[in-house]
């Protein structure tokens, strides 16, 4: 296929009406005729992002290549179609960029290990919150008193105002329910 990453040079362009061209020769002719204008147009739509422009030119020419498989077309009058395809591709690329988060390249790998710890902590916190929401309010209250406030089952029962046996029972069933949601909940016991 045509190398569209370099700006097109303009060797002699054959005149209309000569011998029919192969698909490869037609693509080369299309690139020589319309490549520079297409590149300039896409540079404006990408706000000067050369890499993005080159990608879009290449994708536009790929679409032209596919179009030529099924259609016979005069390369000299293909510019409006190419610009329409390029404009639509540029719009699609812009929408795709705005629909996903900005990509970040990290140069310092130490930052990654620090971030991994933060992410691990966040994931653990989210898992615990989700698991605690699966408990009844009574079970959640006993779990919070025992594990968050560091009380024994007897002290938790006194604070909550329930018998010690009820606090132990709620604690047992709460841990059992947590172990169904999170595999590491058995370590709490």
N, C-alpha and C. Protein backbone atom coordinates (compact mmCIF):
# COMPACT_ATOMS: atom_id res chain seq x y z
N UNK A 1 0.84 -1.18 0.00
CA UNK A 1 0.00 0.00 0.00
C UNK A 1 0.87 1.23 0.00
N UNK A 2 0.29 2.36 -0.12
CA UNK A 2 0.99 3.62 -0.25
C UNK A 2 1.53 4.03 1.11
N UNK A 3 2.75 4.55 1.14
CA UNK A 3 3.31 5.07 2.38
C UNK A 3 2.76 6.47 2.59
N UNK A 4 1.82 6.58 3.49
CA UNK A 4 1.17 7.88 3.69
C UNK A 4 1.76 8.64 4.86
N UNK A 5 2.78 8.08 5.51
CA UNK A 5 3.34 8.77 6.65
C UNK A 5 4.25 9.91 6.24
N UNK A 6 4.82 9.82 5.05
CA UNK A 6 5.62 10.93 4.55
C UNK A 6 4.73 11.83 3.72
N UNK A 7 5.07 13.11 3.67
CA UNK A 7 4.27 13.99 2.84
C UNK A 7 4.48 13.61 1.39
N UNK A 8 3.44 13.67 0.59
CA UNK A 8 3.56 13.22 -0.78
C UNK A 8 4.45 14.15 -1.60
N UNK A 9 5.30 13.53 -2.40
CA UNK A 9 6.03 14.34 -3.35
C UNK A 9 5.23 14.32 -4.65
N UNK A 10 5.50 15.21 -5.52
CA UNK A 10 4.69 15.31 -6.73
C UNK A 10 5.49 14.97 -7.97
N UNK A 11 5.84 13.66 -8.14
CA UNK A 11 6.42 13.32 -9.42
C UNK A 11 5.34 13.49 -10.48
N UNK A 12 5.66 13.26 -11.66
CA UNK A 12 4.71 13.52 -12.74
C UNK A 12 3.42 12.77 -12.50
N UNK A 13 2.33 13.48 -12.62
CA UNK A 13 1.00 12.91 -12.46
C UNK A 13 0.47 12.62 -13.86
N UNK A 14 0.10 11.39 -14.10
CA UNK A 14 -0.39 11.06 -15.45
C UNK A 14 -1.65 11.85 -15.77
N UNK A 15 -1.80 12.16 -17.02
CA UNK A 15 -2.99 12.88 -17.46
C UNK A 15 -4.16 11.92 -17.55
N UNK A 16 -5.35 12.48 -17.53
CA UNK A 16 -6.56 11.68 -17.66
C UNK A 16 -6.60 11.00 -19.02
N UNK A 17 -7.25 9.86 -19.03
CA UNK A 17 -7.52 9.19 -20.29
C UNK A 17 -6.41 8.26 -20.75
N UNK A 18 -5.35 8.11 -19.96
CA UNK A 18 -4.31 7.16 -20.33
C UNK A 18 -4.77 5.74 -20.05
N UNK A 19 -3.87 4.79 -20.20
CA UNK A 19 -4.21 3.38 -19.98
C UNK A 19 -4.81 3.20 -18.60
N UNK A 20 -5.72 2.23 -18.45
CA UNK A 20 -6.30 1.97 -17.12
C UNK A 20 -5.20 1.59 -16.12
N UNK A 21 -5.38 2.05 -14.91
CA UNK A 21 -4.39 1.82 -13.85
C UNK A 21 -4.81 0.64 -12.98
N UNK A 22 -3.82 -0.05 -12.40
CA UNK A 22 -4.13 -1.09 -11.41
C UNK A 22 -4.60 -0.40 -10.13
N UNK A 23 -5.08 -1.19 -9.20
CA UNK A 23 -5.55 -0.60 -7.94
C UNK A 23 -4.42 0.08 -7.19
N UNK A 24 -3.24 -0.55 -7.20
CA UNK A 24 -2.09 0.04 -6.52
C UNK A 24 -1.70 1.37 -7.17
N UNK A 25 -1.67 1.38 -8.48
CA UNK A 25 -1.33 2.61 -9.20
C UNK A 25 -2.39 3.68 -8.97
N UNK A 26 -3.65 3.27 -8.89
CA UNK A 26 -4.73 4.22 -8.62
C UNK A 26 -4.55 4.83 -7.22
N UNK A 27 -4.18 3.99 -6.25
CA UNK A 27 -3.98 4.50 -4.89
C UNK A 27 -2.81 5.48 -4.85
N UNK A 28 -1.73 5.15 -5.55
CA UNK A 28 -0.60 6.07 -5.60
C UNK A 28 -1.01 7.39 -6.22
N UNK A 29 -1.79 7.31 -7.28
CA UNK A 29 -2.26 8.53 -7.94
C UNK A 29 -3.16 9.34 -7.00
N UNK A 30 -4.05 8.67 -6.30
CA UNK A 30 -4.93 9.35 -5.34
C UNK A 30 -4.08 10.06 -4.28
N UNK A 31 -3.08 9.37 -3.81
CA UNK A 31 -2.22 9.97 -2.78
C UNK A 31 -1.45 11.17 -3.32
N UNK A 32 -0.91 11.04 -4.52
CA UNK A 32 -0.18 12.17 -5.11
C UNK A 32 -1.09 13.35 -5.39
N UNK A 33 -2.31 13.08 -5.81
CA UNK A 33 -3.25 14.16 -6.14
C UNK A 33 -3.82 14.83 -4.90
N UNK A 34 -4.14 14.06 -3.89
CA UNK A 34 -4.93 14.58 -2.78
C UNK A 34 -4.24 14.47 -1.41
N UNK A 35 -3.08 13.83 -1.34
CA UNK A 35 -2.42 13.57 -0.06
C UNK A 35 -2.08 14.81 0.73
N UNK A 36 -1.43 15.79 0.07
CA UNK A 36 -1.04 17.01 0.79
C UNK A 36 -2.25 17.77 1.30
N UNK A 37 -3.25 17.93 0.46
CA UNK A 37 -4.45 18.67 0.88
C UNK A 37 -5.16 17.93 2.02
N UNK A 38 -5.21 16.61 1.93
CA UNK A 38 -5.85 15.81 2.98
C UNK A 38 -5.07 15.95 4.28
N UNK A 39 -3.74 15.91 4.19
CA UNK A 39 -2.90 16.06 5.37
C UNK A 39 -3.11 17.42 6.02
N UNK A 40 -3.10 18.49 5.22
CA UNK A 40 -3.31 19.84 5.77
C UNK A 40 -4.69 19.97 6.42
N UNK A 41 -5.70 19.42 5.76
CA UNK A 41 -7.06 19.47 6.30
C UNK A 41 -7.12 18.77 7.65
N UNK A 42 -6.54 17.59 7.73
CA UNK A 42 -6.59 16.83 8.98
C UNK A 42 -5.71 17.44 10.06
N UNK A 43 -4.64 18.12 9.69
CA UNK A 43 -3.83 18.83 10.69
C UNK A 43 -4.66 19.90 11.39
N UNK A 44 -5.55 20.54 10.65
CA UNK A 44 -6.43 21.56 11.26
C UNK A 44 -7.46 20.89 12.17
N UNK A 45 -8.00 19.76 11.74
CA UNK A 45 -9.05 19.13 12.56
C UNK A 45 -8.48 18.49 13.82
N UNK A 46 -7.18 18.14 13.81
CA UNK A 46 -6.57 17.54 15.00
C UNK A 46 -5.78 18.56 15.81
N UNK A 47 -5.91 19.84 15.45
CA UNK A 47 -5.23 20.93 16.15
C UNK A 47 -3.71 20.73 16.17
N UNK A 48 -3.18 20.26 15.03
CA UNK A 48 -1.74 20.15 14.88
C UNK A 48 -1.11 18.87 15.41
N UNK A 49 -1.90 17.92 15.81
CA UNK A 49 -1.36 16.64 16.31
C UNK A 49 -0.93 15.79 15.12
N UNK A 50 0.37 15.79 14.86
CA UNK A 50 0.90 15.13 13.66
C UNK A 50 0.64 13.62 13.69
N UNK A 51 0.84 13.00 14.84
CA UNK A 51 0.62 11.55 14.95
C UNK A 51 -0.82 11.20 14.64
N UNK A 52 -1.73 11.94 15.22
CA UNK A 52 -3.15 11.70 14.98
C UNK A 52 -3.50 11.96 13.51
N UNK A 53 -2.91 13.01 12.95
CA UNK A 53 -3.15 13.33 11.54
C UNK A 53 -2.68 12.21 10.63
N UNK A 54 -1.49 11.70 10.90
CA UNK A 54 -0.96 10.60 10.08
C UNK A 54 -1.85 9.37 10.17
N UNK A 55 -2.33 9.08 11.38
CA UNK A 55 -3.24 7.94 11.56
C UNK A 55 -4.52 8.14 10.75
N UNK A 56 -5.06 9.35 10.79
CA UNK A 56 -6.30 9.62 10.08
C UNK A 56 -6.12 9.60 8.57
N UNK A 57 -4.99 10.10 8.09
CA UNK A 57 -4.71 10.03 6.65
C UNK A 57 -4.63 8.57 6.23
N UNK A 58 -3.91 7.79 7.02
CA UNK A 58 -3.77 6.37 6.70
C UNK A 58 -5.12 5.66 6.70
N UNK A 59 -5.95 5.95 7.69
CA UNK A 59 -7.28 5.32 7.75
C UNK A 59 -8.15 5.78 6.58
N UNK A 60 -8.05 7.05 6.21
CA UNK A 60 -8.81 7.55 5.06
C UNK A 60 -8.40 6.83 3.78
N UNK A 61 -7.10 6.66 3.60
CA UNK A 61 -6.62 5.98 2.40
C UNK A 61 -6.98 4.49 2.43
N UNK A 62 -7.02 3.91 3.61
CA UNK A 62 -7.46 2.52 3.72
C UNK A 62 -8.93 2.39 3.29
N UNK A 63 -9.74 3.36 3.73
CA UNK A 63 -11.14 3.35 3.29
C UNK A 63 -11.25 3.51 1.77
N UNK A 64 -10.39 4.35 1.20
CA UNK A 64 -10.39 4.52 -0.26
C UNK A 64 -9.99 3.21 -0.94
N UNK A 65 -9.01 2.54 -0.39
CA UNK A 65 -8.55 1.25 -0.92
C UNK A 65 -9.71 0.25 -0.93
N UNK A 66 -10.42 0.19 0.17
CA UNK A 66 -11.57 -0.72 0.24
C UNK A 66 -12.67 -0.31 -0.73
N UNK A 67 -12.88 0.99 -0.87
CA UNK A 67 -13.90 1.50 -1.78
C UNK A 67 -13.58 1.11 -3.21
N UNK A 68 -12.30 1.14 -3.56
CA UNK A 68 -11.88 0.80 -4.92
C UNK A 68 -12.08 -0.68 -5.25
N UNK A 69 -12.25 -1.51 -4.24
CA UNK A 69 -12.50 -2.93 -4.50
C UNK A 69 -13.84 -3.12 -5.21
N UNK A 70 -14.81 -2.31 -4.89
CA UNK A 70 -16.16 -2.48 -5.42
C UNK A 70 -16.58 -1.41 -6.42
N UNK A 71 -15.79 -0.35 -6.54
CA UNK A 71 -16.20 0.76 -7.39
C UNK A 71 -15.08 1.15 -8.35
N UNK A 72 -15.49 1.59 -9.48
CA UNK A 72 -14.55 2.17 -10.44
C UNK A 72 -14.71 3.68 -10.32
N UNK A 73 -13.62 4.37 -10.05
CA UNK A 73 -13.73 5.79 -9.77
C UNK A 73 -12.60 6.55 -10.46
N UNK A 74 -12.88 7.77 -10.83
CA UNK A 74 -11.87 8.64 -11.42
C UNK A 74 -11.10 9.29 -10.28
N UNK A 75 -9.80 8.98 -10.10
CA UNK A 75 -9.03 9.51 -8.98
C UNK A 75 -8.95 11.03 -8.96
N UNK A 76 -9.13 11.67 -10.10
CA UNK A 76 -9.01 13.12 -10.18
C UNK A 76 -10.17 13.83 -9.49
N UNK A 77 -11.32 13.18 -9.36
CA UNK A 77 -12.50 13.83 -8.77
C UNK A 77 -12.88 13.22 -7.42
N UNK A 78 -11.96 12.51 -6.79
CA UNK A 78 -12.25 11.79 -5.54
C UNK A 78 -12.08 12.66 -4.30
N UNK A 79 -11.54 13.87 -4.44
CA UNK A 79 -11.23 14.71 -3.27
C UNK A 79 -12.43 14.98 -2.37
N UNK A 80 -13.61 15.35 -2.88
CA UNK A 80 -14.73 15.60 -1.96
C UNK A 80 -15.08 14.36 -1.12
N UNK A 81 -15.04 13.20 -1.74
CA UNK A 81 -15.34 11.96 -1.01
C UNK A 81 -14.27 11.71 0.05
N UNK A 82 -13.00 11.90 -0.29
CA UNK A 82 -11.91 11.70 0.66
C UNK A 82 -12.04 12.66 1.86
N UNK A 83 -12.38 13.91 1.58
CA UNK A 83 -12.52 14.88 2.67
C UNK A 83 -13.71 14.54 3.56
N UNK A 84 -14.77 14.04 2.98
CA UNK A 84 -15.93 13.63 3.79
C UNK A 84 -15.55 12.47 4.70
N UNK A 85 -14.86 11.48 4.14
CA UNK A 85 -14.42 10.34 4.94
C UNK A 85 -13.47 10.81 6.04
N UNK A 86 -12.51 11.67 5.68
CA UNK A 86 -11.53 12.16 6.65
C UNK A 86 -12.22 12.96 7.76
N UNK A 87 -13.17 13.80 7.41
CA UNK A 87 -13.88 14.59 8.42
C UNK A 87 -14.64 13.69 9.38
N UNK A 88 -15.30 12.68 8.85
CA UNK A 88 -16.05 11.75 9.72
C UNK A 88 -15.12 10.95 10.62
N UNK A 89 -13.99 10.52 10.07
CA UNK A 89 -13.01 9.80 10.89
C UNK A 89 -12.46 10.69 11.99
N UNK A 90 -12.22 11.96 11.67
CA UNK A 90 -11.72 12.90 12.65
C UNK A 90 -12.74 13.12 13.77
N UNK A 91 -14.00 13.23 13.40
CA UNK A 91 -15.06 13.40 14.40
C UNK A 91 -15.14 12.16 15.29
N UNK A 92 -15.10 10.98 14.69
CA UNK A 92 -15.15 9.74 15.46
C UNK A 92 -13.96 9.64 16.42
N UNK A 93 -12.76 10.00 15.94
CA UNK A 93 -11.57 9.95 16.79
C UNK A 93 -11.69 10.93 17.95
N UNK A 94 -12.22 12.11 17.68
CA UNK A 94 -12.40 13.10 18.74
C UNK A 94 -13.39 12.60 19.79
N UNK A 95 -14.48 12.02 19.33
CA UNK A 95 -15.47 11.47 20.28
C UNK A 95 -14.87 10.34 21.10
N UNK A 96 -14.08 9.51 20.47
CA UNK A 96 -13.46 8.40 21.19
C UNK A 96 -12.49 8.91 22.24
N UNK A 97 -11.72 9.96 21.91
CA UNK A 97 -10.79 10.55 22.87
C UNK A 97 -11.53 11.11 24.08
N UNK A 98 -12.66 11.74 23.84
CA UNK A 98 -13.40 12.36 24.94
C UNK A 98 -14.20 11.36 25.75
N UNK A 99 -14.40 10.17 25.22
CA UNK A 99 -15.21 9.20 25.95
C UNK A 99 -14.38 8.31 26.86
N UNK A 100 -13.07 8.40 26.77
CA UNK A 100 -12.23 7.59 27.66
C UNK A 100 -11.28 8.51 28.40
N UNK A 101 -10.76 8.06 29.53
CA UNK A 101 -9.88 8.91 30.31
C UNK A 101 -8.57 9.19 29.57
N UNK A 102 -7.93 10.27 29.95
CA UNK A 102 -6.66 10.64 29.34
C UNK A 102 -5.61 9.59 29.69
N UNK A 103 -4.85 9.20 28.69
CA UNK A 103 -3.80 8.22 28.92
C UNK A 103 -2.59 8.92 29.53
N UNK A 104 -1.99 8.26 30.52
CA UNK A 104 -0.85 8.82 31.22
C UNK A 104 0.31 7.85 31.09
N UNK A 105 1.46 8.38 30.74
CA UNK A 105 2.66 7.56 30.67
C UNK A 105 3.49 7.88 31.90
N UNK A 106 3.80 6.86 32.69
CA UNK A 106 4.55 7.05 33.92
C UNK A 106 6.01 6.74 33.64
N UNK A 107 6.87 7.70 33.92
CA UNK A 107 8.30 7.52 33.70
C UNK A 107 8.97 6.90 34.93
N UNK A 108 8.51 7.27 36.12
CA UNK A 108 9.12 6.80 37.36
C UNK A 108 8.34 5.60 37.87
N UNK A 109 8.97 4.43 37.88
CA UNK A 109 8.28 3.21 38.30
C UNK A 109 8.01 3.19 39.79
N UNK A 110 8.74 3.98 40.58
CA UNK A 110 8.46 4.05 42.02
C UNK A 110 7.07 4.62 42.27
N UNK A 111 6.65 5.53 41.40
CA UNK A 111 5.32 6.11 41.51
C UNK A 111 4.27 5.01 41.34
N UNK A 112 4.54 4.06 40.43
CA UNK A 112 3.60 2.97 40.21
C UNK A 112 3.43 2.12 41.46
N UNK A 113 4.52 1.81 42.15
CA UNK A 113 4.40 0.98 43.34
C UNK A 113 3.65 1.72 44.44
N UNK A 114 3.88 3.04 44.56
CA UNK A 114 3.13 3.82 45.53
C UNK A 114 1.65 3.85 45.17
N UNK A 115 1.37 4.03 43.89
CA UNK A 115 -0.02 4.07 43.42
C UNK A 115 -0.69 2.71 43.62
N UNK A 116 0.07 1.63 43.39
CA UNK A 116 -0.50 0.30 43.54
C UNK A 116 -0.98 0.09 44.97
N UNK A 117 -0.17 0.59 45.95
CA UNK A 117 -0.58 0.48 47.34
C UNK A 117 -1.87 1.26 47.58
N UNK A 118 -1.95 2.45 47.01
CA UNK A 118 -3.16 3.26 47.15
C UNK A 118 -4.36 2.55 46.52
N UNK A 119 -4.15 1.98 45.35
CA UNK A 119 -5.23 1.29 44.66
C UNK A 119 -5.65 0.06 45.44
N UNK A 120 -4.68 -0.68 45.97
CA UNK A 120 -5.01 -1.85 46.78
C UNK A 120 -5.84 -1.45 48.00
N UNK A 121 -5.43 -0.38 48.65
CA UNK A 121 -6.18 0.09 49.82
C UNK A 121 -7.60 0.48 49.43
N UNK A 122 -7.73 1.16 48.30
CA UNK A 122 -9.04 1.58 47.82
C UNK A 122 -9.92 0.36 47.50
N UNK A 123 -9.35 -0.62 46.84
CA UNK A 123 -10.11 -1.83 46.50
C UNK A 123 -10.55 -2.59 47.75
N UNK A 124 -9.66 -2.66 48.73
CA UNK A 124 -10.02 -3.32 49.99
C UNK A 124 -11.16 -2.57 50.67
N UNK A 125 -11.06 -1.25 50.71
CA UNK A 125 -12.11 -0.44 51.34
C UNK A 125 -13.44 -0.63 50.62
N UNK A 126 -13.42 -0.62 49.29
CA UNK A 126 -14.66 -0.82 48.53
C UNK A 126 -15.25 -2.20 48.77
N UNK A 127 -14.40 -3.22 48.83
CA UNK A 127 -14.87 -4.59 49.07
C UNK A 127 -15.49 -4.70 50.46
N UNK A 128 -14.85 -4.09 51.44
CA UNK A 128 -15.38 -4.15 52.82
C UNK A 128 -16.71 -3.40 52.90
N UNK A 129 -16.79 -2.25 52.28
CA UNK A 129 -18.07 -1.50 52.30
C UNK A 129 -19.18 -2.29 51.65
N UNK A 130 -18.88 -2.89 50.50
CA UNK A 130 -19.89 -3.68 49.80
C UNK A 130 -20.32 -4.87 50.66
N UNK A 131 -19.36 -5.50 51.31
CA UNK A 131 -19.68 -6.65 52.15
C UNK A 131 -20.50 -6.23 53.36
N UNK A 132 -20.16 -5.08 53.96
CA UNK A 132 -20.91 -4.61 55.12
C UNK A 132 -22.35 -4.25 54.75
N UNK A 133 -22.56 -3.76 53.53
CA UNK A 133 -23.92 -3.45 53.10
C UNK A 133 -24.77 -4.70 52.95
N UNK A 134 -24.11 -5.85 52.78
CA UNK A 134 -24.85 -7.10 52.63
C UNK A 134 -25.37 -7.61 53.98
N UNK A 135 -24.88 -7.05 55.08
CA UNK A 135 -25.30 -7.49 56.42
C UNK A 135 -26.57 -6.76 56.86
N UNK A 136 -27.23 -7.34 57.85
CA UNK A 136 -28.36 -6.63 58.46
C UNK A 136 -27.81 -5.51 59.32
N UNK A 137 -28.65 -4.57 59.68
CA UNK A 137 -28.22 -3.43 60.49
C UNK A 137 -27.69 -3.91 61.85
N UNK A 138 -28.34 -4.91 62.45
CA UNK A 138 -27.91 -5.43 63.75
C UNK A 138 -26.53 -6.09 63.65
N UNK A 139 -26.33 -6.89 62.60
CA UNK A 139 -25.04 -7.54 62.42
C UNK A 139 -23.94 -6.51 62.17
N UNK A 140 -24.25 -5.51 61.34
CA UNK A 140 -23.29 -4.47 61.02
C UNK A 140 -22.88 -3.71 62.29
N UNK A 141 -23.83 -3.44 63.17
CA UNK A 141 -23.55 -2.71 64.41
C UNK A 141 -22.59 -3.49 65.30
N UNK A 142 -22.81 -4.81 65.42
CA UNK A 142 -21.92 -5.64 66.25
C UNK A 142 -20.52 -5.70 65.63
N UNK A 143 -20.45 -5.88 64.30
CA UNK A 143 -19.14 -5.94 63.62
C UNK A 143 -18.38 -4.65 63.84
N UNK A 144 -19.04 -3.51 63.70
CA UNK A 144 -18.38 -2.22 63.88
C UNK A 144 -17.88 -2.04 65.31
N UNK A 145 -18.68 -2.45 66.28
CA UNK A 145 -18.27 -2.32 67.69
C UNK A 145 -17.06 -3.20 67.99
N UNK A 146 -17.08 -4.43 67.47
CA UNK A 146 -16.00 -5.37 67.80
C UNK A 146 -14.72 -5.05 67.01
N UNK A 147 -14.82 -4.89 65.70
CA UNK A 147 -13.62 -4.75 64.88
C UNK A 147 -13.18 -3.30 64.65
N UNK A 148 -14.12 -2.39 64.59
CA UNK A 148 -13.75 -0.99 64.35
C UNK A 148 -13.40 -0.28 65.65
N UNK A 149 -14.23 -0.52 66.69
CA UNK A 149 -13.99 0.14 67.97
C UNK A 149 -13.14 -0.70 68.91
N UNK A 150 -12.82 -1.93 68.53
CA UNK A 150 -11.90 -2.78 69.30
C UNK A 150 -12.48 -3.31 70.61
N UNK A 151 -13.77 -3.51 70.65
CA UNK A 151 -14.40 -4.01 71.87
C UNK A 151 -14.54 -5.53 71.81
N UNK A 152 -14.68 -6.13 72.98
CA UNK A 152 -14.98 -7.56 73.04
C UNK A 152 -16.47 -7.74 72.79
N UNK A 153 -16.89 -8.99 72.61
CA UNK A 153 -18.32 -9.25 72.38
C UNK A 153 -19.13 -8.80 73.58
N UNK A 154 -18.62 -8.99 74.81
CA UNK A 154 -19.33 -8.58 76.02
C UNK A 154 -19.46 -7.06 76.05
N UNK A 155 -18.36 -6.33 75.76
CA UNK A 155 -18.39 -4.87 75.78
C UNK A 155 -19.32 -4.33 74.68
N UNK A 156 -19.29 -4.96 73.51
CA UNK A 156 -20.17 -4.54 72.42
C UNK A 156 -21.62 -4.74 72.82
N UNK A 157 -21.92 -5.86 73.49
CA UNK A 157 -23.29 -6.13 73.94
C UNK A 157 -23.75 -5.05 74.93
N UNK A 158 -22.86 -4.65 75.83
CA UNK A 158 -23.21 -3.62 76.82
C UNK A 158 -23.48 -2.27 76.13
N UNK A 159 -22.62 -1.90 75.15
CA UNK A 159 -22.77 -0.62 74.45
C UNK A 159 -24.06 -0.61 73.65
N UNK A 160 -24.36 -1.72 72.98
CA UNK A 160 -25.54 -1.79 72.13
C UNK A 160 -26.80 -1.97 72.98
N UNK A 161 -26.64 -2.63 74.13
CA UNK A 161 -27.79 -2.86 75.01
C UNK A 161 -28.50 -4.16 74.70
N UNK A 162 -27.75 -5.20 74.37
CA UNK A 162 -28.32 -6.52 74.08
C UNK A 162 -27.57 -7.55 74.92
N UNK A 163 -28.15 -8.75 75.10
CA UNK A 163 -27.44 -9.79 75.84
C UNK A 163 -26.15 -10.20 75.13
N UNK A 164 -25.16 -10.67 75.91
CA UNK A 164 -23.87 -11.06 75.36
C UNK A 164 -24.03 -12.20 74.35
N UNK A 165 -24.90 -13.16 74.62
CA UNK A 165 -25.13 -14.28 73.71
C UNK A 165 -25.67 -13.81 72.36
N UNK A 166 -26.55 -12.80 72.38
CA UNK A 166 -27.10 -12.25 71.13
C UNK A 166 -25.99 -11.56 70.34
N UNK A 167 -25.12 -10.83 71.02
CA UNK A 167 -23.99 -10.15 70.35
C UNK A 167 -23.07 -11.19 69.71
N UNK A 168 -22.78 -12.30 70.44
CA UNK A 168 -21.91 -13.33 69.89
C UNK A 168 -22.57 -14.02 68.69
N UNK A 169 -23.88 -14.26 68.79
CA UNK A 169 -24.60 -14.89 67.69
C UNK A 169 -24.60 -13.98 66.45
N UNK A 170 -24.87 -12.71 66.65
CA UNK A 170 -24.87 -11.76 65.52
C UNK A 170 -23.47 -11.65 64.90
N UNK A 171 -22.46 -11.66 65.76
CA UNK A 171 -21.09 -11.61 65.28
C UNK A 171 -20.76 -12.85 64.45
N UNK A 172 -21.18 -14.02 64.91
CA UNK A 172 -20.92 -15.27 64.19
C UNK A 172 -21.59 -15.24 62.81
N UNK A 173 -22.87 -14.88 62.79
CA UNK A 173 -23.59 -14.87 61.51
C UNK A 173 -23.12 -13.73 60.58
N UNK A 174 -22.67 -12.64 61.15
CA UNK A 174 -22.14 -11.55 60.34
C UNK A 174 -20.85 -12.00 59.65
N UNK A 175 -19.98 -12.66 60.39
CA UNK A 175 -18.72 -13.14 59.80
C UNK A 175 -19.01 -14.21 58.75
N UNK A 176 -19.99 -15.04 59.02
CA UNK A 176 -20.37 -16.07 58.05
C UNK A 176 -20.90 -15.40 56.76
N UNK A 177 -21.71 -14.36 56.89
CA UNK A 177 -22.23 -13.65 55.72
C UNK A 177 -21.10 -12.93 54.98
N UNK A 178 -20.18 -12.36 55.72
CA UNK A 178 -19.04 -11.69 55.09
C UNK A 178 -18.17 -12.68 54.33
N UNK A 179 -17.99 -13.87 54.87
CA UNK A 179 -17.16 -14.87 54.18
C UNK A 179 -17.79 -15.33 52.87
N UNK A 180 -19.11 -15.21 52.78
CA UNK A 180 -19.77 -15.55 51.51
C UNK A 180 -19.47 -14.48 50.45
N UNK A 181 -19.29 -13.24 50.88
CA UNK A 181 -19.04 -12.14 49.95
C UNK A 181 -17.54 -11.97 49.69
N UNK A 182 -16.74 -12.08 50.74
CA UNK A 182 -15.28 -11.93 50.61
C UNK A 182 -14.59 -13.16 51.16
N UNK A 183 -13.68 -13.75 50.41
CA UNK A 183 -13.03 -14.98 50.85
C UNK A 183 -12.14 -14.78 52.07
N UNK A 184 -11.64 -13.56 52.36
CA UNK A 184 -10.72 -13.36 53.46
C UNK A 184 -11.42 -13.02 54.77
N UNK A 185 -12.72 -13.04 54.80
CA UNK A 185 -13.45 -12.67 56.01
C UNK A 185 -13.22 -13.68 57.13
N UNK A 186 -12.87 -14.91 56.81
CA UNK A 186 -12.65 -15.92 57.87
C UNK A 186 -11.43 -15.54 58.72
N UNK A 187 -10.54 -14.73 58.19
CA UNK A 187 -9.38 -14.29 58.96
C UNK A 187 -9.77 -13.36 60.09
N UNK A 188 -10.97 -12.80 60.03
CA UNK A 188 -11.44 -11.91 61.09
C UNK A 188 -11.66 -12.67 62.39
N UNK A 189 -11.98 -13.94 62.30
CA UNK A 189 -12.31 -14.74 63.48
C UNK A 189 -11.10 -15.05 64.29
